[in-house]
Amino acid sequence: MKDERKETGRRGEQQACDYLESIGHKIVARNWRASHKEVDIITLSEGKVLHIVEVKTRTEPMAAPPEFNVDNRKMNNLTAAAGAFLRSANVSNVEEVVFDVVSVVYSDTGRLRVEYFPQAYIPTYA
């Protein structure tokens, strides 16, 4: 069961990358890690906007849409990981950092639905 979920997640991340590239994003990193925090996808759009992208993948039937699973804990981890990425990467030309969510749903009939939520949340700093 766990391996099946991992494979579904990997497929969903690839679908998300394909979608983001189709709308003009350049993939900078996938599964970027800082300690125990991870960013699924990091992209650049228009050369100056850095996107920190969380991908949530589910298979129908499901209790709630995948994007509902990006909770405060996840947002805080993404914010911390984004800070670590910015400190470690050569991204001096970045003018803005935004946090996006991509929802990928596989139906039991084989259909695929990808939804993109740009600027899904604004991080808060305590």
N, C-alpha and C. Protein backbone atom coordinates (compact mmCIF):
# COMPACT_ATOMS: atom_id res chain seq x y z
N MET A 1 0.82 -1.20 0.00
CA MET A 1 0.00 0.00 0.00
C MET A 1 0.86 1.27 0.00
N LYS A 2 1.91 1.29 0.85
CA LYS A 2 2.77 2.47 0.92
C LYS A 2 3.48 2.71 -0.41
N ASP A 3 4.00 1.64 -1.04
CA ASP A 3 4.68 1.79 -2.32
C ASP A 3 3.72 2.30 -3.39
N GLU A 4 2.47 1.86 -3.35
CA GLU A 4 1.47 2.33 -4.31
C GLU A 4 1.20 3.82 -4.13
N ARG A 5 1.12 4.26 -2.88
CA ARG A 5 0.92 5.70 -2.61
C ARG A 5 2.11 6.52 -3.07
N LYS A 6 3.32 6.01 -2.83
CA LYS A 6 4.52 6.72 -3.29
C LYS A 6 4.53 6.84 -4.81
N GLU A 7 4.18 5.76 -5.49
CA GLU A 7 4.15 5.78 -6.95
C GLU A 7 3.09 6.76 -7.46
N THR A 8 1.93 6.78 -6.83
CA THR A 8 0.88 7.73 -7.21
C THR A 8 1.39 9.16 -7.01
N GLY A 9 2.07 9.40 -5.89
CA GLY A 9 2.64 10.73 -5.64
C GLY A 9 3.67 11.12 -6.67
N ARG A 10 4.54 10.19 -7.04
CA ARG A 10 5.56 10.47 -8.07
C ARG A 10 4.90 10.80 -9.41
N ARG A 11 3.89 10.02 -9.77
CA ARG A 11 3.18 10.29 -11.03
C ARG A 11 2.52 11.66 -10.98
N GLY A 12 1.92 11.99 -9.85
CA GLY A 12 1.28 13.29 -9.70
C GLY A 12 2.27 14.43 -9.82
N GLU A 13 3.44 14.28 -9.22
CA GLU A 13 4.47 15.32 -9.34
C GLU A 13 4.92 15.49 -10.79
N GLN A 14 5.03 14.39 -11.51
CA GLN A 14 5.41 14.50 -12.93
C GLN A 14 4.32 15.21 -13.72
N GLN A 15 3.06 14.89 -13.44
CA GLN A 15 1.95 15.58 -14.11
C GLN A 15 1.98 17.07 -13.79
N ALA A 16 2.27 17.40 -12.53
CA ALA A 16 2.36 18.81 -12.13
C ALA A 16 3.49 19.51 -12.88
N CYS A 17 4.66 18.87 -12.98
CA CYS A 17 5.78 19.46 -13.71
C CYS A 17 5.41 19.68 -15.18
N ASP A 18 4.80 18.67 -15.77
CA ASP A 18 4.39 18.81 -17.18
C ASP A 18 3.45 19.98 -17.35
N TYR A 19 2.50 20.12 -16.43
CA TYR A 19 1.54 21.23 -16.52
C TYR A 19 2.26 22.56 -16.37
N LEU A 20 3.09 22.68 -15.33
CA LEU A 20 3.78 23.95 -15.08
C LEU A 20 4.67 24.34 -16.27
N GLU A 21 5.36 23.37 -16.85
CA GLU A 21 6.17 23.68 -18.03
C GLU A 21 5.30 24.12 -19.20
N SER A 22 4.11 23.55 -19.31
CA SER A 22 3.22 23.92 -20.42
C SER A 22 2.73 25.36 -20.32
N ILE A 23 2.76 25.92 -19.12
CA ILE A 23 2.34 27.32 -18.96
C ILE A 23 3.53 28.26 -18.79
N GLY A 24 4.72 27.76 -19.11
CA GLY A 24 5.89 28.64 -19.18
C GLY A 24 6.83 28.62 -17.99
N HIS A 25 6.61 27.75 -17.03
CA HIS A 25 7.53 27.67 -15.89
C HIS A 25 8.76 26.87 -16.28
N LYS A 26 9.89 27.25 -15.70
CA LYS A 26 11.13 26.48 -15.85
C LYS A 26 11.37 25.75 -14.54
N ILE A 27 11.50 24.44 -14.59
CA ILE A 27 11.73 23.65 -13.38
C ILE A 27 13.16 23.91 -12.91
N VAL A 28 13.28 24.35 -11.67
CA VAL A 28 14.58 24.63 -11.06
C VAL A 28 15.03 23.44 -10.22
N ALA A 29 14.08 22.85 -9.48
CA ALA A 29 14.41 21.72 -8.61
C ALA A 29 13.15 20.90 -8.34
N ARG A 30 13.38 19.61 -8.07
CA ARG A 30 12.31 18.71 -7.67
C ARG A 30 12.74 18.01 -6.39
N ASN A 31 11.80 17.88 -5.48
CA ASN A 31 12.05 17.19 -4.21
C ASN A 31 13.28 17.76 -3.50
N TRP A 32 13.35 19.09 -3.45
CA TRP A 32 14.47 19.77 -2.81
C TRP A 32 14.31 19.66 -1.30
N ARG A 33 15.37 19.25 -0.62
CA ARG A 33 15.31 19.01 0.82
C ARG A 33 16.23 19.95 1.59
N ALA A 34 15.74 20.35 2.75
CA ALA A 34 16.53 21.08 3.73
C ALA A 34 16.20 20.45 5.07
N SER A 35 17.14 19.68 5.58
CA SER A 35 16.91 18.94 6.83
C SER A 35 15.71 18.01 6.61
N HIS A 36 14.67 18.14 7.41
CA HIS A 36 13.49 17.26 7.27
C HIS A 36 12.36 17.94 6.49
N LYS A 37 12.64 19.10 5.93
CA LYS A 37 11.63 19.81 5.15
C LYS A 37 11.90 19.60 3.66
N GLU A 38 10.81 19.54 2.87
CA GLU A 38 10.97 19.28 1.44
C GLU A 38 10.02 20.17 0.64
N VAL A 39 10.50 20.59 -0.52
CA VAL A 39 9.67 21.28 -1.49
C VAL A 39 9.53 20.35 -2.69
N ASP A 40 8.29 20.09 -3.09
CA ASP A 40 8.06 19.17 -4.20
C ASP A 40 8.66 19.68 -5.50
N ILE A 41 8.33 20.93 -5.85
CA ILE A 41 8.81 21.51 -7.10
C ILE A 41 9.15 22.98 -6.86
N ILE A 42 10.24 23.43 -7.45
CA ILE A 42 10.61 24.84 -7.44
C ILE A 42 10.74 25.26 -8.89
N THR A 43 10.04 26.32 -9.28
CA THR A 43 10.08 26.78 -10.66
C THR A 43 10.37 28.27 -10.73
N LEU A 44 10.72 28.70 -11.93
CA LEU A 44 10.83 30.13 -12.25
C LEU A 44 9.85 30.43 -13.36
N SER A 45 9.13 31.53 -13.23
CA SER A 45 8.28 31.98 -14.33
C SER A 45 8.69 33.40 -14.67
N GLU A 46 8.63 33.69 -15.92
CA GLU A 46 9.02 35.00 -16.44
C GLU A 46 10.41 35.39 -15.95
N GLY A 47 11.20 34.38 -15.56
CA GLY A 47 12.58 34.60 -15.18
C GLY A 47 12.82 35.25 -13.84
N LYS A 48 11.80 35.80 -13.22
CA LYS A 48 12.04 36.55 -12.00
C LYS A 48 11.14 36.17 -10.83
N VAL A 49 10.14 35.32 -11.07
CA VAL A 49 9.24 34.88 -10.01
C VAL A 49 9.57 33.44 -9.66
N LEU A 50 9.96 33.21 -8.41
CA LEU A 50 10.27 31.88 -7.93
C LEU A 50 9.01 31.29 -7.30
N HIS A 51 8.63 30.10 -7.76
CA HIS A 51 7.43 29.43 -7.26
C HIS A 51 7.85 28.24 -6.40
N ILE A 52 7.38 28.22 -5.18
CA ILE A 52 7.55 27.09 -4.27
C ILE A 52 6.24 26.32 -4.38
N VAL A 53 6.29 25.11 -4.93
CA VAL A 53 5.07 24.39 -5.31
C VAL A 53 4.90 23.12 -4.49
N GLU A 54 3.78 23.01 -3.83
CA GLU A 54 3.38 21.79 -3.13
C GLU A 54 2.41 21.04 -4.03
N VAL A 55 2.66 19.76 -4.23
CA VAL A 55 1.79 18.93 -5.06
C VAL A 55 1.05 17.95 -4.16
N LYS A 56 -0.25 17.90 -4.32
CA LYS A 56 -1.08 16.94 -3.60
C LYS A 56 -1.79 16.08 -4.62
N THR A 57 -1.59 14.77 -4.50
CA THR A 57 -2.15 13.82 -5.46
C THR A 57 -3.07 12.85 -4.73
N ARG A 58 -4.22 12.60 -5.31
CA ARG A 58 -5.17 11.65 -4.73
C ARG A 58 -5.81 10.84 -5.85
N THR A 59 -6.38 9.73 -5.46
CA THR A 59 -7.15 8.89 -6.36
C THR A 59 -8.58 8.86 -5.84
N GLU A 60 -9.53 9.03 -6.75
CA GLU A 60 -10.94 8.99 -6.35
C GLU A 60 -11.33 7.57 -5.97
N PRO A 61 -12.29 7.39 -5.09
CA PRO A 61 -13.01 8.42 -4.34
C PRO A 61 -12.16 8.96 -3.20
N MET A 62 -12.43 10.19 -2.80
CA MET A 62 -11.66 10.83 -1.74
C MET A 62 -12.59 11.65 -0.87
N ALA A 63 -12.18 11.87 0.37
CA ALA A 63 -13.01 12.58 1.33
C ALA A 63 -13.03 14.09 1.07
N ALA A 64 -11.90 14.63 0.62
CA ALA A 64 -11.80 16.08 0.40
C ALA A 64 -10.82 16.32 -0.75
N PRO A 65 -10.95 17.45 -1.41
CA PRO A 65 -9.99 17.77 -2.49
C PRO A 65 -8.56 17.79 -1.95
N PRO A 66 -7.60 17.36 -2.75
CA PRO A 66 -6.21 17.28 -2.29
C PRO A 66 -5.67 18.59 -1.73
N GLU A 67 -6.02 19.71 -2.36
CA GLU A 67 -5.47 20.99 -1.92
C GLU A 67 -5.86 21.35 -0.49
N PHE A 68 -6.93 20.73 0.03
CA PHE A 68 -7.34 20.97 1.41
C PHE A 68 -6.34 20.39 2.41
N ASN A 69 -5.43 19.53 1.95
CA ASN A 69 -4.44 18.91 2.83
C ASN A 69 -3.18 19.74 3.01
N VAL A 70 -3.16 20.94 2.49
CA VAL A 70 -2.04 21.84 2.74
C VAL A 70 -2.43 22.68 3.95
N ASP A 71 -2.02 22.17 5.12
CA ASP A 71 -2.42 22.80 6.38
C ASP A 71 -1.34 23.77 6.88
N ASN A 72 -1.58 24.38 8.04
CA ASN A 72 -0.63 25.37 8.58
C ASN A 72 0.75 24.78 8.81
N ARG A 73 0.81 23.55 9.29
CA ARG A 73 2.10 22.91 9.53
C ARG A 73 2.87 22.78 8.21
N LYS A 74 2.20 22.33 7.16
CA LYS A 74 2.82 22.18 5.85
C LYS A 74 3.27 23.54 5.32
N MET A 75 2.42 24.56 5.45
CA MET A 75 2.79 25.90 4.98
C MET A 75 4.03 26.42 5.71
N ASN A 76 4.09 26.20 7.03
CA ASN A 76 5.26 26.64 7.80
C ASN A 76 6.52 25.91 7.35
N ASN A 77 6.40 24.60 7.10
CA ASN A 77 7.56 23.83 6.62
C ASN A 77 8.01 24.32 5.24
N LEU A 78 7.05 24.59 4.36
CA LEU A 78 7.40 25.09 3.03
C LEU A 78 8.08 26.46 3.11
N THR A 79 7.58 27.30 3.99
CA THR A 79 8.18 28.63 4.17
C THR A 79 9.62 28.50 4.65
N ALA A 80 9.85 27.63 5.62
CA ALA A 80 11.21 27.43 6.14
C ALA A 80 12.11 26.84 5.06
N ALA A 81 11.61 25.87 4.32
CA ALA A 81 12.40 25.26 3.25
C ALA A 81 12.72 26.28 2.16
N ALA A 82 11.76 27.13 1.84
CA ALA A 82 11.99 28.17 0.82
C ALA A 82 13.10 29.11 1.27
N GLY A 83 13.09 29.48 2.53
CA GLY A 83 14.17 30.33 3.06
C GLY A 83 15.52 29.66 2.93
N ALA A 84 15.58 28.37 3.25
CA ALA A 84 16.83 27.62 3.13
C ALA A 84 17.28 27.55 1.67
N PHE A 85 16.32 27.34 0.77
CA PHE A 85 16.66 27.29 -0.65
C PHE A 85 17.23 28.62 -1.11
N LEU A 86 16.60 29.71 -0.73
CA LEU A 86 17.06 31.03 -1.15
C LEU A 86 18.46 31.33 -0.61
N ARG A 87 18.76 30.86 0.59
CA ARG A 87 20.09 31.09 1.16
C ARG A 87 21.16 30.24 0.47
N SER A 88 20.76 29.08 -0.07
CA SER A 88 21.76 28.16 -0.62
C SER A 88 21.89 28.21 -2.14
N ALA A 89 20.91 28.76 -2.82
CA ALA A 89 20.91 28.73 -4.29
C ALA A 89 21.34 30.07 -4.86
N ASN A 90 21.76 30.03 -6.10
CA ASN A 90 22.13 31.25 -6.81
C ASN A 90 20.89 31.79 -7.53
N VAL A 91 20.10 32.54 -6.80
CA VAL A 91 18.85 33.08 -7.35
C VAL A 91 18.80 34.59 -7.12
N SER A 92 19.89 35.26 -7.40
CA SER A 92 19.99 36.68 -7.12
C SER A 92 19.05 37.53 -7.97
N ASN A 93 18.60 37.01 -9.10
CA ASN A 93 17.73 37.80 -9.97
C ASN A 93 16.25 37.63 -9.65
N VAL A 94 15.92 36.88 -8.62
CA VAL A 94 14.52 36.66 -8.25
C VAL A 94 13.95 37.93 -7.62
N GLU A 95 12.81 38.35 -8.14
CA GLU A 95 12.15 39.55 -7.62
C GLU A 95 11.02 39.24 -6.66
N GLU A 96 10.47 38.03 -6.78
CA GLU A 96 9.32 37.67 -5.95
C GLU A 96 9.33 36.17 -5.70
N VAL A 97 8.87 35.76 -4.51
CA VAL A 97 8.71 34.34 -4.19
C VAL A 97 7.24 34.13 -3.86
N VAL A 98 6.64 33.13 -4.51
CA VAL A 98 5.23 32.83 -4.27
C VAL A 98 5.08 31.35 -3.94
N PHE A 99 4.00 31.03 -3.25
CA PHE A 99 3.73 29.67 -2.80
C PHE A 99 2.47 29.17 -3.49
N ASP A 100 2.65 28.12 -4.31
CA ASP A 100 1.56 27.58 -5.12
C ASP A 100 1.23 26.15 -4.69
N VAL A 101 0.06 25.71 -5.10
CA VAL A 101 -0.36 24.32 -4.88
C VAL A 101 -0.86 23.78 -6.21
N VAL A 102 -0.48 22.54 -6.51
CA VAL A 102 -1.03 21.83 -7.65
C VAL A 102 -1.74 20.59 -7.12
N SER A 103 -2.99 20.46 -7.50
CA SER A 103 -3.81 19.31 -7.12
C SER A 103 -3.93 18.37 -8.31
N VAL A 104 -3.61 17.10 -8.08
CA VAL A 104 -3.71 16.09 -9.14
C VAL A 104 -4.64 15.00 -8.65
N VAL A 105 -5.67 14.72 -9.44
CA VAL A 105 -6.65 13.70 -9.06
C VAL A 105 -6.77 12.70 -10.19
N TYR A 106 -6.58 11.44 -9.84
CA TYR A 106 -6.81 10.33 -10.77
C TYR A 106 -8.17 9.74 -10.44
N SER A 107 -9.01 9.62 -11.45
CA SER A 107 -10.34 9.03 -11.22
C SER A 107 -10.23 7.52 -11.35
N ASP A 108 -11.24 6.84 -10.83
CA ASP A 108 -11.25 5.38 -10.93
C ASP A 108 -11.51 4.92 -12.36
N THR A 109 -11.88 5.85 -13.26
CA THR A 109 -12.08 5.50 -14.67
C THR A 109 -10.85 5.84 -15.52
N GLY A 110 -9.78 6.30 -14.87
CA GLY A 110 -8.55 6.60 -15.59
C GLY A 110 -8.40 8.05 -16.02
N ARG A 111 -9.38 8.88 -15.74
CA ARG A 111 -9.26 10.31 -16.09
C ARG A 111 -8.30 11.00 -15.13
N LEU A 112 -7.73 12.08 -15.60
CA LEU A 112 -6.77 12.86 -14.83
C LEU A 112 -7.26 14.30 -14.76
N ARG A 113 -7.18 14.89 -13.57
CA ARG A 113 -7.52 16.31 -13.42
C ARG A 113 -6.36 17.00 -12.69
N VAL A 114 -5.82 18.04 -13.31
CA VAL A 114 -4.76 18.84 -12.70
C VAL A 114 -5.30 20.24 -12.50
N GLU A 115 -5.24 20.72 -11.25
CA GLU A 115 -5.67 22.09 -10.95
C GLU A 115 -4.50 22.84 -10.33
N TYR A 116 -4.30 24.05 -10.80
CA TYR A 116 -3.19 24.88 -10.34
C TYR A 116 -3.75 26.03 -9.53
N PHE A 117 -3.19 26.21 -8.33
CA PHE A 117 -3.60 27.29 -7.44
C PHE A 117 -2.40 28.21 -7.21
N PRO A 118 -2.22 29.19 -8.13
CA PRO A 118 -1.07 30.10 -7.96
C PRO A 118 -1.28 30.98 -6.73
N GLN A 119 -0.19 31.27 -6.07
CA GLN A 119 -0.22 32.10 -4.86
C GLN A 119 -1.30 31.60 -3.91
N ALA A 120 -1.27 30.32 -3.62
CA ALA A 120 -2.29 29.65 -2.80
C ALA A 120 -2.31 30.18 -1.37
N TYR A 121 -1.17 30.64 -0.91
CA TYR A 121 -1.14 31.23 0.44
C TYR A 121 0.02 32.21 0.54
N ILE A 122 -0.10 33.08 1.51
CA ILE A 122 0.95 34.04 1.82
C ILE A 122 1.54 33.63 3.16
N PRO A 123 2.85 33.38 3.21
CA PRO A 123 3.44 32.90 4.47
C PRO A 123 3.37 33.96 5.56
N THR A 124 3.25 33.49 6.78
CA THR A 124 3.29 34.37 7.94
C THR A 124 4.58 34.06 8.69
N TYR A 125 5.18 35.07 9.22
CA TYR A 125 6.43 34.92 9.95
C TYR A 125 6.21 35.33 11.38
N ALA A 126 6.59 34.44 12.28
CA ALA A 126 6.41 34.73 13.72
C ALA A 126 7.71 35.19 14.32
